[in-house]
Protein backbone atom coordinates (compact mmCIF):
# COMPACT_ATOMS: atom_id res chain seq x y z
CA MET A 1 81.12 99.59 67.59
CA ASP A 2 84.25 97.94 67.07
CA TYR A 3 86.38 97.77 70.45
CA SER A 4 89.33 96.06 69.07
CA SER A 5 91.66 99.12 69.44
CA GLN A 6 90.27 99.65 72.84
CA MET A 7 90.12 96.18 74.24
CA ASP A 8 93.43 96.71 76.15
CA VAL A 9 92.18 100.30 77.69
CA ILE A 10 88.85 99.49 78.56
CA ASN A 11 86.18 96.79 78.26
CA GLY A 12 83.49 98.89 76.10
CA GLU A 13 80.45 96.51 76.46
CA GLN A 14 80.38 96.81 80.04
CA MET A 15 80.67 100.62 79.66
CA GLU A 16 77.77 100.04 76.77
CA MET A 17 75.58 98.28 79.47
CA LEU A 18 75.88 101.21 81.79
CA ILE A 19 74.82 103.49 79.26
CA ALA A 20 71.91 101.48 78.04
CA SER A 21 70.76 100.94 81.75
CA ALA A 22 71.08 104.40 83.05
CA GLY A 23 71.82 107.01 80.21
CA VAL A 24 74.77 108.77 78.86
CA ASP A 25 74.37 112.03 81.38
CA THR A 26 74.22 109.58 84.24
CA ALA A 27 77.28 107.54 82.93
CA LYS A 28 79.10 110.85 82.93
CA MET A 29 78.20 111.59 86.12
CA ILE A 30 79.63 108.29 87.25
CA LEU A 31 82.90 109.07 85.26
CA ASP A 32 83.24 112.53 86.64
CA ALA A 33 83.10 110.94 90.23
CA PHE A 34 85.54 107.94 89.12
CA TRP A 35 87.96 110.73 87.85
CA LYS A 36 87.82 112.76 90.86
CA SER A 37 88.12 109.56 92.99
CA ASN A 38 91.44 108.49 90.72
CA ASN A 39 93.15 111.76 91.56
CA GLU A 40 92.62 111.47 95.15
CA ILE A 41 93.75 108.16 95.16
CA VAL A 42 96.75 108.60 92.77
CA ALA A 43 97.88 111.71 95.37
CA ALA A 44 97.42 109.25 98.18
CA MET A 45 99.39 106.59 96.26
CA THR A 46 102.31 109.01 95.40
CA ALA A 47 102.90 109.88 99.07
CA HIS A 48 102.49 106.52 100.36
CA LEU A 49 105.19 105.33 97.88
CA ASP A 50 107.32 108.04 98.78
CA ASN A 51 107.29 107.24 102.03
CA GLU A 52 107.92 103.50 101.11
CA ASN A 53 104.48 102.75 103.40
CA PHE A 54 103.83 99.54 101.57
CA VAL A 55 100.32 98.76 103.66
CA GLU A 56 98.80 101.97 102.67
CA ALA A 57 100.13 101.98 99.47
CA SER A 58 98.53 98.33 98.65
CA ALA A 59 95.52 99.76 100.27
CA SER A 60 95.41 102.85 97.47
CA ALA A 61 96.49 100.71 94.85
CA HIS A 62 93.67 97.81 95.80
CA ALA A 63 91.18 100.96 95.81
CA LEU A 64 91.99 102.04 92.29
CA LYS A 65 91.92 98.48 90.98
CA GLY A 66 88.15 98.12 92.32
CA SER A 67 87.05 101.25 91.28
CA ALA A 68 88.71 100.80 87.62
CA ALA A 69 87.38 97.31 87.33
CA ASN A 70 83.83 98.44 88.43
CA LEU A 71 83.58 100.54 85.29
CA GLY A 72 85.68 98.48 82.60
CA ALA A 73 88.94 100.49 82.99
CA THR A 74 90.81 97.12 82.43
CA GLN A 75 94.31 98.97 81.88
CA VAL A 76 93.90 101.10 84.89
CA ALA A 77 92.75 98.01 86.87
CA ASP A 78 95.65 95.90 85.55
CA ARG A 79 98.16 98.47 86.55
CA ALA A 80 96.47 98.94 90.01
CA LYS A 81 96.81 95.33 90.34
CA THR A 82 100.81 95.05 89.38
CA ILE A 83 101.37 98.01 91.73
CA GLU A 84 99.48 96.54 95.00
CA THR A 85 101.16 92.96 94.04
CA ALA A 86 104.59 94.85 94.38
CA CYS A 87 103.69 96.39 97.42
CA ARG A 88 102.79 93.35 98.77
CA ALA A 89 106.26 92.10 98.34
CA GLN A 90 107.48 95.09 99.37
CA ASP A 91 109.37 95.47 96.37
CA ILE A 92 109.66 99.51 95.73
CA ALA A 93 111.18 99.11 92.41
CA ALA A 94 108.59 97.38 90.71
CA ALA A 95 106.03 99.63 92.35
CA ARG A 96 107.30 102.77 91.07
CA ALA A 97 107.86 101.50 87.88
CA ALA A 98 104.40 100.32 87.48
CA PHE A 99 103.00 103.60 88.97
CA GLU A 100 104.91 105.92 86.69
CA LYS A 101 102.80 104.43 84.14
CA VAL A 102 99.47 105.06 85.88
CA ASP A 103 99.14 109.06 84.25
CA ALA A 104 99.23 107.58 81.09
CA ASP A 105 96.87 104.66 81.58
CA ILE A 106 94.55 107.17 83.06
CA GLN A 107 94.42 109.29 79.96
CA ALA A 108 94.06 106.60 77.64
CA THR A 109 91.26 105.41 79.53
CA ARG A 110 89.59 108.91 79.70
CA GLN A 111 90.08 109.08 75.97
CA ALA A 112 88.39 105.72 75.53
CA PHE A 113 85.50 106.39 77.40
CA ASP A 114 85.24 109.88 76.30
CA SER A 115 85.18 108.42 72.71
CA LEU A 116 82.53 105.91 73.75
CA LEU A 117 80.04 108.48 75.39
CA VAL A 118 80.14 110.72 71.88
CA SER A 119 79.43 108.00 69.91
CA LYS A 120 76.72 107.31 72.01
CA ALA A 121 75.48 110.74 72.61
CA ALA A 122 74.99 111.31 68.62
């Protein structure tokens, strides 16, 4: 599969390795857990940024960055890194500006992973 259109969103090769070793069904279960975790982390980050709690917002961004990087969700991981860096600098404007793009990043990532899973299940 050509990943050139998805390279900025996901690392398709990383997900392909997971599918090859664990199978499509297990990869889907892992992604389901990832999406649930993302929802919880994003909700926490929303509250922390609203309260300008930079320590906790940074920790939430770090958690999102790590879980995204582990699955090859590069766009989400990069955005989370930007948020984490802004929080460490106590730059609420930059943190909020980056955070506003997280939902779109997650949707694009979900579409890319779903497309990959569909192609592997066929």
